[in-house]
Amino acid sequence: MTTLFWHDWAGYIGVVLVLLAFLLLQAHKLHGNGLTYQLMNILGALGVLMSLTFGGHNWSAFVMEAAWLLISIYGVMRSLRLRREGRTPPGQSMVP
């Protein structure tokens, strides 16, 4: 029987979050510039990064997840800046 550690669970949950975010985006249930989509990607990437850091290390997967995390953070920061300036990010309406 395989023992799963906390970092294994973090990785699995991270993968589920990233894939669920992508599925909901493709199903038009989330907007790519929406905060929910971006936070799901941030938390998902963090989970996978923790799994890679504390479990088995795979450099190519680590680099991909680090880039995923940074791009998602950039998206959140950009959306916040556009909202603060009174503009709406592309693909979003002013009405919720």
N, C-alpha and C. Protein backbone atom coordinates (compact mmCIF):
# COMPACT_ATOMS: atom_id res chain seq x y z
N MET A 1 0.85 -1.18 0.00
CA MET A 1 0.00 0.00 0.00
C MET A 1 0.89 1.25 0.00
N THR A 2 0.55 2.20 -0.82
CA THR A 2 1.32 3.44 -0.93
C THR A 2 0.83 4.44 0.11
N THR A 3 1.78 5.05 0.78
CA THR A 3 1.45 6.09 1.75
C THR A 3 1.50 7.45 1.06
N LEU A 4 0.43 8.21 1.20
CA LEU A 4 0.40 9.56 0.64
C LEU A 4 0.71 10.56 1.74
N PHE A 5 1.65 11.44 1.46
CA PHE A 5 2.04 12.47 2.40
C PHE A 5 1.29 13.76 2.08
N TRP A 6 1.41 14.76 2.95
CA TRP A 6 0.69 16.02 2.76
C TRP A 6 1.05 16.66 1.43
N HIS A 7 2.33 16.56 1.00
CA HIS A 7 2.73 17.19 -0.26
C HIS A 7 2.15 16.45 -1.46
N ASP A 8 1.89 15.15 -1.30
CA ASP A 8 1.21 14.41 -2.37
C ASP A 8 -0.21 14.93 -2.54
N TRP A 9 -0.91 15.10 -1.42
CA TRP A 9 -2.28 15.62 -1.46
C TRP A 9 -2.31 17.03 -2.03
N ALA A 10 -1.33 17.87 -1.64
CA ALA A 10 -1.26 19.23 -2.18
C ALA A 10 -1.12 19.19 -3.70
N GLY A 11 -0.30 18.27 -4.19
CA GLY A 11 -0.11 18.15 -5.63
C GLY A 11 -1.38 17.70 -6.34
N TYR A 12 -2.04 16.69 -5.80
CA TYR A 12 -3.28 16.20 -6.41
C TYR A 12 -4.37 17.28 -6.41
N ILE A 13 -4.51 17.97 -5.30
CA ILE A 13 -5.51 19.04 -5.23
C ILE A 13 -5.15 20.15 -6.20
N GLY A 14 -3.86 20.46 -6.31
CA GLY A 14 -3.41 21.48 -7.26
C GLY A 14 -3.75 21.11 -8.69
N VAL A 15 -3.50 19.86 -9.06
CA VAL A 15 -3.82 19.40 -10.41
C VAL A 15 -5.32 19.50 -10.66
N VAL A 16 -6.13 19.10 -9.69
CA VAL A 16 -7.59 19.18 -9.84
C VAL A 16 -8.02 20.63 -10.03
N LEU A 17 -7.45 21.55 -9.26
CA LEU A 17 -7.82 22.96 -9.38
C LEU A 17 -7.48 23.52 -10.76
N VAL A 18 -6.28 23.23 -11.26
CA VAL A 18 -5.87 23.75 -12.57
C VAL A 18 -6.74 23.15 -13.67
N LEU A 19 -6.97 21.85 -13.61
CA LEU A 19 -7.80 21.22 -14.65
C LEU A 19 -9.25 21.65 -14.57
N LEU A 20 -9.78 21.81 -13.36
CA LEU A 20 -11.16 22.28 -13.20
C LEU A 20 -11.30 23.71 -13.72
N ALA A 21 -10.33 24.56 -13.43
CA ALA A 21 -10.36 25.94 -13.94
C ALA A 21 -10.39 25.94 -15.47
N PHE A 22 -9.57 25.09 -16.08
CA PHE A 22 -9.53 25.01 -17.54
C PHE A 22 -10.84 24.48 -18.10
N LEU A 23 -11.40 23.45 -17.47
CA LEU A 23 -12.69 22.91 -17.90
C LEU A 23 -13.78 23.98 -17.81
N LEU A 24 -13.83 24.70 -16.69
CA LEU A 24 -14.86 25.74 -16.53
C LEU A 24 -14.66 26.88 -17.52
N LEU A 25 -13.42 27.17 -17.87
CA LEU A 25 -13.14 28.18 -18.89
C LEU A 25 -13.66 27.71 -20.24
N GLN A 26 -13.38 26.47 -20.60
CA GLN A 26 -13.84 25.93 -21.89
C GLN A 26 -15.36 25.81 -21.95
N ALA A 27 -15.99 25.57 -20.81
CA ALA A 27 -17.45 25.47 -20.75
C ALA A 27 -18.12 26.84 -20.63
N HIS A 28 -17.31 27.89 -20.69
CA HIS A 28 -17.80 29.28 -20.58
C HIS A 28 -18.50 29.56 -19.25
N LYS A 29 -18.06 28.87 -18.20
CA LYS A 29 -18.58 29.12 -16.86
C LYS A 29 -17.70 30.13 -16.12
N LEU A 30 -16.47 30.30 -16.57
CA LEU A 30 -15.53 31.28 -16.00
C LEU A 30 -14.92 32.08 -17.13
N HIS A 31 -14.51 33.30 -16.82
CA HIS A 31 -13.77 34.15 -17.76
C HIS A 31 -12.29 34.01 -17.48
N GLY A 32 -11.49 34.01 -18.52
CA GLY A 32 -10.04 33.90 -18.37
C GLY A 32 -9.44 35.03 -17.57
N ASN A 33 -10.09 36.19 -17.55
CA ASN A 33 -9.61 37.33 -16.78
C ASN A 33 -10.28 37.43 -15.42
N GLY A 34 -11.16 36.50 -15.12
CA GLY A 34 -11.90 36.55 -13.86
C GLY A 34 -11.04 36.14 -12.68
N LEU A 35 -11.33 36.70 -11.54
CA LEU A 35 -10.56 36.44 -10.33
C LEU A 35 -10.65 34.98 -9.90
N THR A 36 -11.82 34.37 -10.03
CA THR A 36 -11.98 32.96 -9.64
C THR A 36 -11.06 32.07 -10.46
N TYR A 37 -11.04 32.25 -11.76
CA TYR A 37 -10.18 31.46 -12.64
C TYR A 37 -8.71 31.66 -12.28
N GLN A 38 -8.32 32.90 -12.07
CA GLN A 38 -6.92 33.20 -11.77
C GLN A 38 -6.51 32.63 -10.41
N LEU A 39 -7.38 32.74 -9.42
CA LEU A 39 -7.05 32.19 -8.09
C LEU A 39 -6.99 30.67 -8.11
N MET A 40 -7.86 30.03 -8.89
CA MET A 40 -7.78 28.57 -9.02
C MET A 40 -6.44 28.16 -9.61
N ASN A 41 -5.95 28.92 -10.59
CA ASN A 41 -4.66 28.63 -11.19
C ASN A 41 -3.51 28.89 -10.22
N ILE A 42 -3.59 29.96 -9.45
CA ILE A 42 -2.54 30.27 -8.47
C ILE A 42 -2.47 29.17 -7.41
N LEU A 43 -3.61 28.83 -6.84
CA LEU A 43 -3.62 27.81 -5.79
C LEU A 43 -3.24 26.44 -6.34
N GLY A 44 -3.68 26.15 -7.55
CA GLY A 44 -3.31 24.88 -8.17
C GLY A 44 -1.82 24.78 -8.42
N ALA A 45 -1.24 25.84 -8.96
CA ALA A 45 0.20 25.84 -9.21
C ALA A 45 0.99 25.74 -7.91
N LEU A 46 0.53 26.42 -6.87
CA LEU A 46 1.21 26.33 -5.57
C LEU A 46 1.17 24.91 -5.03
N GLY A 47 0.03 24.24 -5.17
CA GLY A 47 -0.09 22.86 -4.71
C GLY A 47 0.88 21.94 -5.43
N VAL A 48 0.95 22.07 -6.75
CA VAL A 48 1.86 21.22 -7.52
C VAL A 48 3.31 21.57 -7.18
N LEU A 49 3.62 22.86 -7.02
CA LEU A 49 4.98 23.25 -6.64
C LEU A 49 5.37 22.68 -5.29
N MET A 50 4.46 22.67 -4.33
CA MET A 50 4.76 22.08 -3.02
C MET A 50 5.03 20.59 -3.16
N SER A 51 4.24 19.91 -3.99
CA SER A 51 4.44 18.49 -4.21
C SER A 51 5.81 18.23 -4.83
N LEU A 52 6.20 19.07 -5.78
CA LEU A 52 7.50 18.90 -6.44
C LEU A 52 8.66 19.28 -5.54
N THR A 53 8.45 20.24 -4.66
CA THR A 53 9.51 20.69 -3.77
C THR A 53 9.76 19.69 -2.64
N PHE A 54 8.71 19.22 -2.02
CA PHE A 54 8.84 18.35 -0.85
C PHE A 54 8.77 16.87 -1.18
N GLY A 55 8.31 16.54 -2.37
CA GLY A 55 8.27 15.15 -2.82
C GLY A 55 9.39 14.94 -3.82
N GLY A 56 9.10 14.17 -4.85
CA GLY A 56 10.08 13.97 -5.91
C GLY A 56 10.21 15.22 -6.76
N HIS A 57 11.44 15.60 -7.06
CA HIS A 57 11.65 16.84 -7.82
C HIS A 57 11.80 16.54 -9.30
N ASN A 58 11.06 17.28 -10.11
CA ASN A 58 11.10 17.17 -11.56
C ASN A 58 11.27 18.59 -12.08
N TRP A 59 12.45 18.92 -12.58
CA TRP A 59 12.75 20.30 -12.96
C TRP A 59 11.83 20.85 -14.04
N SER A 60 11.53 20.05 -15.05
CA SER A 60 10.69 20.58 -16.13
C SER A 60 9.28 20.90 -15.62
N ALA A 61 8.71 20.03 -14.79
CA ALA A 61 7.39 20.30 -14.21
C ALA A 61 7.46 21.49 -13.26
N PHE A 62 8.54 21.60 -12.50
CA PHE A 62 8.71 22.71 -11.56
C PHE A 62 8.75 24.05 -12.30
N VAL A 63 9.52 24.10 -13.40
CA VAL A 63 9.62 25.34 -14.18
C VAL A 63 8.27 25.69 -14.78
N MET A 64 7.55 24.69 -15.30
CA MET A 64 6.23 24.96 -15.88
C MET A 64 5.26 25.50 -14.83
N GLU A 65 5.24 24.89 -13.65
CA GLU A 65 4.32 25.35 -12.60
C GLU A 65 4.72 26.72 -12.05
N ALA A 66 6.01 26.98 -11.96
CA ALA A 66 6.46 28.31 -11.51
C ALA A 66 6.03 29.37 -12.52
N ALA A 67 6.16 29.07 -13.82
CA ALA A 67 5.71 30.00 -14.85
C ALA A 67 4.20 30.18 -14.78
N TRP A 68 3.46 29.08 -14.58
CA TRP A 68 2.00 29.13 -14.46
C TRP A 68 1.60 30.05 -13.31
N LEU A 69 2.30 29.90 -12.18
CA LEU A 69 2.04 30.72 -11.00
C LEU A 69 2.30 32.20 -11.29
N LEU A 70 3.45 32.50 -11.89
CA LEU A 70 3.81 33.90 -12.17
C LEU A 70 2.84 34.52 -13.17
N ILE A 71 2.46 33.79 -14.20
CA ILE A 71 1.52 34.31 -15.19
C ILE A 71 0.16 34.56 -14.54
N SER A 72 -0.28 33.67 -13.66
CA SER A 72 -1.56 33.86 -12.97
C SER A 72 -1.52 35.07 -12.04
N ILE A 73 -0.42 35.24 -11.34
CA ILE A 73 -0.27 36.43 -10.47
C ILE A 73 -0.29 37.69 -11.32
N TYR A 74 0.39 37.67 -12.46
CA TYR A 74 0.37 38.81 -13.37
C TYR A 74 -1.08 39.12 -13.79
N GLY A 75 -1.85 38.08 -14.11
CA GLY A 75 -3.24 38.28 -14.52
C GLY A 75 -4.08 38.93 -13.43
N VAL A 76 -3.89 38.51 -12.18
CA VAL A 76 -4.62 39.11 -11.06
C VAL A 76 -4.21 40.58 -10.91
N MET A 77 -2.92 40.85 -10.95
CA MET A 77 -2.44 42.23 -10.77
C MET A 77 -2.95 43.13 -11.91
N ARG A 78 -2.94 42.62 -13.13
CA ARG A 78 -3.42 43.39 -14.27
C ARG A 78 -4.91 43.69 -14.13
N SER A 79 -5.69 42.68 -13.77
CA SER A 79 -7.13 42.88 -13.60
C SER A 79 -7.43 43.90 -12.50
N LEU A 80 -6.70 43.80 -11.39
CA LEU A 80 -6.90 44.77 -10.30
C LEU A 80 -6.55 46.19 -10.75
N ARG A 81 -5.46 46.32 -11.51
CA ARG A 81 -5.06 47.65 -12.00
C ARG A 81 -6.12 48.20 -12.95
N LEU A 82 -6.64 47.38 -13.86
CA LEU A 82 -7.66 47.85 -14.79
C LEU A 82 -8.94 48.24 -14.06
N ARG A 83 -9.32 47.47 -13.05
CA ARG A 83 -10.52 47.82 -12.28
C ARG A 83 -10.33 49.12 -11.53
N ARG A 84 -9.13 49.30 -10.97
CA ARG A 84 -8.83 50.52 -10.22
C ARG A 84 -8.88 51.74 -11.13
N GLU A 85 -8.48 51.55 -12.39
CA GLU A 85 -8.50 52.64 -13.37
C GLU A 85 -9.88 52.84 -13.98
N GLY A 86 -10.84 52.00 -13.59
CA GLY A 86 -12.20 52.15 -14.08
C GLY A 86 -12.42 51.50 -15.44
N ARG A 87 -11.46 50.70 -15.88
CA ARG A 87 -11.62 49.98 -17.14
C ARG A 87 -11.93 48.53 -16.83
N THR A 88 -12.57 47.87 -17.78
CA THR A 88 -12.92 46.46 -17.61
C THR A 88 -11.95 45.63 -18.44
N PRO A 89 -11.40 44.55 -17.86
CA PRO A 89 -10.52 43.68 -18.64
C PRO A 89 -11.26 43.11 -19.84
N PRO A 90 -10.57 42.87 -20.96
CA PRO A 90 -11.21 42.30 -22.15
C PRO A 90 -11.95 41.00 -21.81
N GLY A 91 -13.15 40.85 -22.40
CA GLY A 91 -13.93 39.64 -22.19
C GLY A 91 -14.83 39.69 -20.97
N GLN A 92 -14.83 40.79 -20.24
CA GLN A 92 -15.70 40.91 -19.07
C GLN A 92 -16.63 42.08 -19.27
N SER A 93 -17.83 41.95 -18.73
CA SER A 93 -18.78 43.05 -18.79
C SER A 93 -18.81 43.76 -17.46
N MET A 94 -19.35 44.93 -17.45
CA MET A 94 -19.46 45.70 -16.21
C MET A 94 -20.54 45.10 -15.30
N VAL A 95 -21.49 44.38 -15.89
CA VAL A 95 -22.57 43.77 -15.14
C VAL A 95 -22.14 42.37 -14.73
N PRO A 96 -22.27 41.99 -13.42
CA PRO A 96 -21.86 40.65 -13.00
C PRO A 96 -22.67 39.54 -13.62
